[in-house]
N, C-alpha and C. Protein backbone atom coordinates (compact mmCIF):
# COMPACT_ATOMS: atom_id res chain seq x y z
N MET A 1 3.11 -7.74 -2.77
CA MET A 1 2.94 -6.70 -3.77
C MET A 1 3.85 -5.56 -3.39
N GLN A 2 4.68 -5.17 -4.30
CA GLN A 2 5.58 -4.06 -4.05
C GLN A 2 5.02 -2.81 -4.71
N LEU A 3 5.57 -1.69 -4.28
CA LEU A 3 5.18 -0.43 -4.89
C LEU A 3 5.90 -0.28 -6.21
N ASP A 4 5.26 0.34 -7.15
CA ASP A 4 5.84 0.58 -8.46
C ASP A 4 6.65 1.87 -8.37
N GLU A 5 7.94 1.72 -8.08
CA GLU A 5 8.80 2.89 -7.86
C GLU A 5 9.34 3.47 -9.16
N GLY A 6 9.10 2.82 -10.28
CA GLY A 6 9.66 3.28 -11.54
C GLY A 6 8.75 4.21 -12.32
N ASN A 7 7.52 4.39 -11.89
CA ASN A 7 6.56 5.18 -12.65
C ASN A 7 6.04 6.31 -11.78
N THR A 8 6.71 7.45 -11.84
CA THR A 8 6.28 8.59 -11.02
C THR A 8 5.81 9.71 -11.94
N GLY A 9 5.00 10.56 -11.40
CA GLY A 9 4.49 11.69 -12.16
C GLY A 9 3.04 11.93 -11.80
N PRO A 10 2.52 13.03 -12.28
CA PRO A 10 1.14 13.38 -11.93
C PRO A 10 0.13 12.48 -12.64
N ILE A 11 -0.98 12.24 -11.95
CA ILE A 11 -2.11 11.52 -12.52
C ILE A 11 -3.36 12.31 -12.15
N GLN A 12 -4.43 12.12 -12.90
CA GLN A 12 -5.69 12.78 -12.60
C GLN A 12 -6.64 11.79 -11.98
N ILE A 13 -7.06 12.10 -10.75
CA ILE A 13 -7.98 11.25 -10.01
C ILE A 13 -9.34 11.94 -9.98
N ARG A 14 -10.39 11.14 -10.20
CA ARG A 14 -11.74 11.69 -10.17
C ARG A 14 -12.02 12.31 -8.81
N HIS A 15 -12.52 13.54 -8.82
CA HIS A 15 -12.82 14.27 -7.61
C HIS A 15 -13.98 13.60 -6.86
N SER A 16 -13.77 13.35 -5.58
CA SER A 16 -14.81 12.79 -4.72
C SER A 16 -14.44 13.08 -3.27
N TYR A 17 -15.41 12.90 -2.39
CA TYR A 17 -15.13 13.08 -0.98
C TYR A 17 -14.03 12.11 -0.53
N ILE A 18 -14.08 10.89 -0.99
CA ILE A 18 -13.08 9.88 -0.61
C ILE A 18 -11.70 10.29 -1.11
N ALA A 19 -11.60 10.68 -2.37
CA ALA A 19 -10.30 11.07 -2.92
C ALA A 19 -9.75 12.30 -2.21
N LYS A 20 -10.61 13.17 -1.78
CA LYS A 20 -10.18 14.40 -1.10
C LYS A 20 -9.47 14.10 0.22
N ARG A 21 -9.80 12.97 0.84
CA ARG A 21 -9.16 12.56 2.10
C ARG A 21 -7.71 12.11 1.92
N ALA A 22 -7.34 11.73 0.71
CA ALA A 22 -6.01 11.16 0.47
C ALA A 22 -4.93 12.23 0.53
N ASN A 23 -3.81 11.85 1.10
CA ASN A 23 -2.62 12.70 1.08
C ASN A 23 -1.77 12.43 -0.15
N TYR A 24 -1.85 11.20 -0.64
CA TYR A 24 -1.14 10.84 -1.87
C TYR A 24 -1.70 9.54 -2.42
N ALA A 25 -1.28 9.22 -3.62
CA ALA A 25 -1.71 7.98 -4.29
C ALA A 25 -0.48 7.22 -4.74
N VAL A 26 -0.60 5.89 -4.77
CA VAL A 26 0.52 5.03 -5.14
C VAL A 26 0.03 3.96 -6.11
N ARG A 27 0.81 3.73 -7.17
CA ARG A 27 0.52 2.62 -8.09
C ARG A 27 1.23 1.38 -7.55
N VAL A 28 0.53 0.27 -7.52
CA VAL A 28 1.12 -0.96 -7.00
C VAL A 28 1.39 -1.94 -8.14
N SER A 29 2.31 -2.85 -7.87
CA SER A 29 2.61 -3.87 -8.87
C SER A 29 2.67 -5.23 -8.19
N GLY A 30 2.24 -6.25 -8.89
CA GLY A 30 2.24 -7.60 -8.35
C GLY A 30 0.84 -8.04 -7.96
N ASP A 31 0.75 -9.28 -7.49
CA ASP A 31 -0.57 -9.85 -7.18
C ASP A 31 -0.71 -10.32 -5.74
N SER A 32 0.20 -9.92 -4.86
CA SER A 32 0.17 -10.45 -3.49
C SER A 32 -1.00 -9.93 -2.66
N MET A 33 -1.69 -8.87 -3.11
CA MET A 33 -2.82 -8.34 -2.35
C MET A 33 -4.15 -8.61 -3.04
N GLU A 34 -4.13 -9.49 -4.06
CA GLU A 34 -5.40 -9.84 -4.70
C GLU A 34 -6.23 -10.67 -3.75
N THR A 35 -7.46 -10.51 -3.69
CA THR A 35 -8.35 -9.89 -4.65
C THR A 35 -8.69 -8.44 -4.30
N GLU A 36 -8.17 -7.94 -3.22
CA GLU A 36 -8.46 -6.56 -2.79
C GLU A 36 -7.83 -5.53 -3.73
N TYR A 37 -6.55 -5.69 -4.02
CA TYR A 37 -5.82 -4.76 -4.90
C TYR A 37 -5.05 -5.58 -5.93
N SER A 38 -5.10 -5.12 -7.17
CA SER A 38 -4.47 -5.85 -8.28
C SER A 38 -3.33 -5.04 -8.88
N ASP A 39 -2.52 -5.72 -9.66
CA ASP A 39 -1.42 -5.10 -10.37
C ASP A 39 -1.92 -3.90 -11.18
N GLY A 40 -1.28 -2.76 -11.00
CA GLY A 40 -1.65 -1.56 -11.75
C GLY A 40 -2.65 -0.66 -11.05
N ASP A 41 -3.30 -1.13 -9.99
CA ASP A 41 -4.23 -0.27 -9.26
C ASP A 41 -3.50 0.93 -8.66
N ILE A 42 -4.22 2.03 -8.56
CA ILE A 42 -3.75 3.21 -7.84
C ILE A 42 -4.51 3.23 -6.53
N VAL A 43 -3.79 3.26 -5.41
CA VAL A 43 -4.44 3.28 -4.11
C VAL A 43 -4.30 4.65 -3.48
N LEU A 44 -5.32 5.04 -2.73
CA LEU A 44 -5.32 6.30 -2.01
C LEU A 44 -4.80 6.05 -0.60
N VAL A 45 -3.92 6.94 -0.16
CA VAL A 45 -3.25 6.75 1.13
C VAL A 45 -3.44 7.99 2.00
N GLU A 46 -3.77 7.73 3.25
CA GLU A 46 -3.92 8.79 4.25
C GLU A 46 -2.75 8.68 5.23
N VAL A 47 -2.00 9.78 5.36
CA VAL A 47 -0.89 9.80 6.30
C VAL A 47 -1.45 9.83 7.72
N CYS A 48 -0.98 8.93 8.56
CA CYS A 48 -1.37 8.87 9.97
C CYS A 48 -0.22 8.25 10.75
N PRO A 49 -0.22 8.39 12.06
CA PRO A 49 0.94 7.97 12.84
C PRO A 49 1.19 6.46 12.86
N ASP A 50 0.16 5.66 12.67
CA ASP A 50 0.33 4.20 12.74
C ASP A 50 -0.85 3.55 12.03
N VAL A 51 -0.71 2.29 11.75
CA VAL A 51 -1.81 1.49 11.19
C VAL A 51 -2.07 0.34 12.15
N ALA A 52 -3.32 0.10 12.44
CA ALA A 52 -3.69 -0.96 13.38
C ALA A 52 -3.43 -2.33 12.76
N VAL A 53 -3.16 -3.29 13.61
CA VAL A 53 -3.04 -4.68 13.17
C VAL A 53 -4.34 -5.06 12.46
N GLY A 54 -4.20 -5.66 11.30
CA GLY A 54 -5.37 -6.06 10.51
C GLY A 54 -5.76 -5.06 9.44
N LYS A 55 -5.14 -3.89 9.42
CA LYS A 55 -5.43 -2.87 8.41
C LYS A 55 -4.33 -2.84 7.36
N ILE A 56 -4.64 -2.34 6.18
CA ILE A 56 -3.70 -2.29 5.07
C ILE A 56 -3.00 -0.93 5.05
N GLY A 57 -1.69 -0.98 4.85
CA GLY A 57 -0.91 0.25 4.82
C GLY A 57 0.23 0.17 3.83
N ILE A 58 0.94 1.28 3.77
CA ILE A 58 2.16 1.37 2.96
C ILE A 58 3.33 1.31 3.92
N PHE A 59 4.24 0.37 3.66
CA PHE A 59 5.38 0.14 4.54
C PHE A 59 6.67 0.17 3.74
N ILE A 60 7.73 0.65 4.36
CA ILE A 60 9.07 0.56 3.78
C ILE A 60 9.87 -0.34 4.72
N VAL A 61 10.37 -1.44 4.18
CA VAL A 61 11.17 -2.39 4.97
C VAL A 61 12.52 -2.51 4.29
N ASN A 62 13.55 -2.05 4.99
CA ASN A 62 14.92 -2.10 4.45
C ASN A 62 14.97 -1.51 3.04
N ASP A 63 14.39 -0.33 2.89
CA ASP A 63 14.39 0.44 1.63
C ASP A 63 13.53 -0.16 0.52
N GLN A 64 12.69 -1.14 0.83
CA GLN A 64 11.79 -1.73 -0.16
C GLN A 64 10.35 -1.39 0.23
N GLY A 65 9.57 -0.84 -0.72
CA GLY A 65 8.20 -0.43 -0.43
C GLY A 65 7.19 -1.54 -0.66
N TYR A 66 6.20 -1.61 0.23
CA TYR A 66 5.16 -2.64 0.15
C TYR A 66 3.79 -2.05 0.49
N ILE A 67 2.76 -2.62 -0.12
CA ILE A 67 1.40 -2.45 0.37
C ILE A 67 1.03 -3.81 0.95
N LYS A 68 0.71 -3.83 2.25
CA LYS A 68 0.44 -5.08 2.96
C LYS A 68 -0.53 -4.84 4.10
N LYS A 69 -1.10 -5.93 4.57
CA LYS A 69 -1.92 -5.91 5.77
C LYS A 69 -0.98 -6.10 6.97
N ARG A 70 -1.17 -5.27 8.00
CA ARG A 70 -0.27 -5.35 9.14
C ARG A 70 -0.63 -6.53 10.04
N GLY A 71 0.38 -7.32 10.37
CA GLY A 71 0.26 -8.38 11.36
C GLY A 71 1.04 -7.96 12.60
N GLU A 72 1.12 -8.83 13.58
CA GLU A 72 1.85 -8.51 14.82
C GLU A 72 3.34 -8.27 14.54
N ASN A 73 3.99 -9.21 13.88
CA ASN A 73 5.42 -9.12 13.62
C ASN A 73 5.76 -9.38 12.16
N HIS A 74 4.77 -9.20 11.30
CA HIS A 74 5.01 -9.42 9.87
C HIS A 74 3.95 -8.65 9.07
N LEU A 75 4.19 -8.54 7.79
CA LEU A 75 3.26 -7.89 6.87
C LEU A 75 2.63 -8.98 6.02
N ILE A 76 1.32 -8.96 5.92
CA ILE A 76 0.57 -10.08 5.37
C ILE A 76 0.16 -9.84 3.92
N SER A 77 0.41 -10.83 3.08
CA SER A 77 -0.09 -10.85 1.71
C SER A 77 -1.48 -11.47 1.73
N LEU A 78 -2.45 -10.86 1.06
CA LEU A 78 -3.80 -11.43 1.02
C LEU A 78 -3.89 -12.64 0.11
N ASN A 79 -3.06 -12.69 -0.91
CA ASN A 79 -3.01 -13.81 -1.83
C ASN A 79 -2.24 -14.95 -1.15
N PRO A 80 -2.90 -16.08 -0.87
CA PRO A 80 -2.23 -17.18 -0.17
C PRO A 80 -1.06 -17.79 -0.95
N GLU A 81 -0.97 -17.50 -2.23
CA GLU A 81 0.14 -18.02 -3.04
C GLU A 81 1.40 -17.16 -2.93
N ARG A 82 1.32 -16.03 -2.23
CA ARG A 82 2.46 -15.12 -2.09
C ARG A 82 2.92 -15.08 -0.64
N ASP A 83 4.23 -14.90 -0.46
CA ASP A 83 4.82 -14.88 0.88
C ASP A 83 4.50 -13.59 1.62
N ASP A 84 4.41 -13.70 2.94
CA ASP A 84 4.33 -12.54 3.80
C ASP A 84 5.74 -11.95 3.93
N VAL A 85 5.81 -10.74 4.45
CA VAL A 85 7.11 -10.11 4.73
C VAL A 85 7.32 -10.23 6.24
N HIS A 86 8.31 -11.03 6.62
CA HIS A 86 8.59 -11.24 8.03
C HIS A 86 9.60 -10.20 8.50
N ILE A 87 9.28 -9.54 9.61
CA ILE A 87 10.13 -8.50 10.17
C ILE A 87 11.09 -9.16 11.16
N LYS A 88 12.37 -8.96 10.92
CA LYS A 88 13.39 -9.55 11.78
C LYS A 88 14.07 -8.46 12.60
N GLU A 89 14.70 -8.87 13.69
CA GLU A 89 15.45 -7.92 14.50
C GLU A 89 16.52 -7.26 13.62
N GLY A 90 16.62 -5.96 13.70
CA GLY A 90 17.58 -5.23 12.89
C GLY A 90 17.00 -4.67 11.60
N ASP A 91 15.82 -5.14 11.19
CA ASP A 91 15.18 -4.58 10.00
C ASP A 91 14.77 -3.14 10.27
N VAL A 92 14.87 -2.31 9.25
CA VAL A 92 14.45 -0.92 9.35
C VAL A 92 13.08 -0.81 8.68
N VAL A 93 12.06 -0.46 9.48
CA VAL A 93 10.68 -0.44 9.01
C VAL A 93 10.09 0.95 9.23
N PHE A 94 9.48 1.50 8.18
CA PHE A 94 8.77 2.78 8.27
C PHE A 94 7.34 2.57 7.80
N PHE A 95 6.43 3.20 8.48
CA PHE A 95 5.03 3.20 8.09
C PHE A 95 4.76 4.51 7.36
N ARG A 96 4.18 4.45 6.17
CA ARG A 96 3.99 5.65 5.35
C ARG A 96 2.53 6.04 5.16
N GLY A 97 1.60 5.29 5.72
CA GLY A 97 0.20 5.69 5.63
C GLY A 97 -0.74 4.50 5.53
N ARG A 98 -2.03 4.81 5.73
CA ARG A 98 -3.08 3.79 5.68
C ARG A 98 -3.75 3.84 4.32
N VAL A 99 -3.84 2.71 3.66
CA VAL A 99 -4.55 2.60 2.38
C VAL A 99 -6.04 2.48 2.69
N PHE A 100 -6.85 3.34 2.04
CA PHE A 100 -8.27 3.27 2.34
C PHE A 100 -9.17 3.08 1.13
N SER A 101 -8.63 3.17 -0.07
CA SER A 101 -9.47 3.01 -1.25
C SER A 101 -8.63 2.91 -2.51
N LYS A 102 -9.25 2.44 -3.58
CA LYS A 102 -8.65 2.54 -4.91
C LYS A 102 -9.03 3.89 -5.48
N ALA A 103 -8.14 4.45 -6.26
CA ALA A 103 -8.43 5.72 -6.93
C ALA A 103 -9.19 5.45 -8.20
N GLU A 104 -10.06 6.35 -8.52
CA GLU A 104 -10.79 6.32 -9.79
C GLU A 104 -10.13 7.36 -10.70
N LEU A 105 -9.48 6.91 -11.76
CA LEU A 105 -8.75 7.82 -12.63
C LEU A 105 -9.67 8.51 -13.62
N VAL A 106 -9.32 9.74 -13.95
CA VAL A 106 -10.02 10.48 -15.00
C VAL A 106 -9.40 10.07 -16.31
N LYS A 107 -10.22 9.69 -17.26
CA LYS A 107 -9.70 9.21 -18.56
C LYS A 107 -9.64 10.35 -19.54
């Protein structure tokens, strides 16, 4: 599942204690993280120095954004029909935060 980089702008998220913890929100596209996160979901992200193996985060790999579960040397897709992102020597990888919830939008 990649990040939806083409749709930026403000959105209204329902106020809650959980939403208040977020530093930012990201809309995702694709089905590689189903059934946890689906195409079009807005996820809440907390900026932190690292994400533990087994936790879901926002990653940039060679200028491409992903929401994935962190593995030892790769990023894991929850949907078994989708490929993981394998990190190779020389790849440029940035961690951008830990995903902790879906956002509830105000309609």
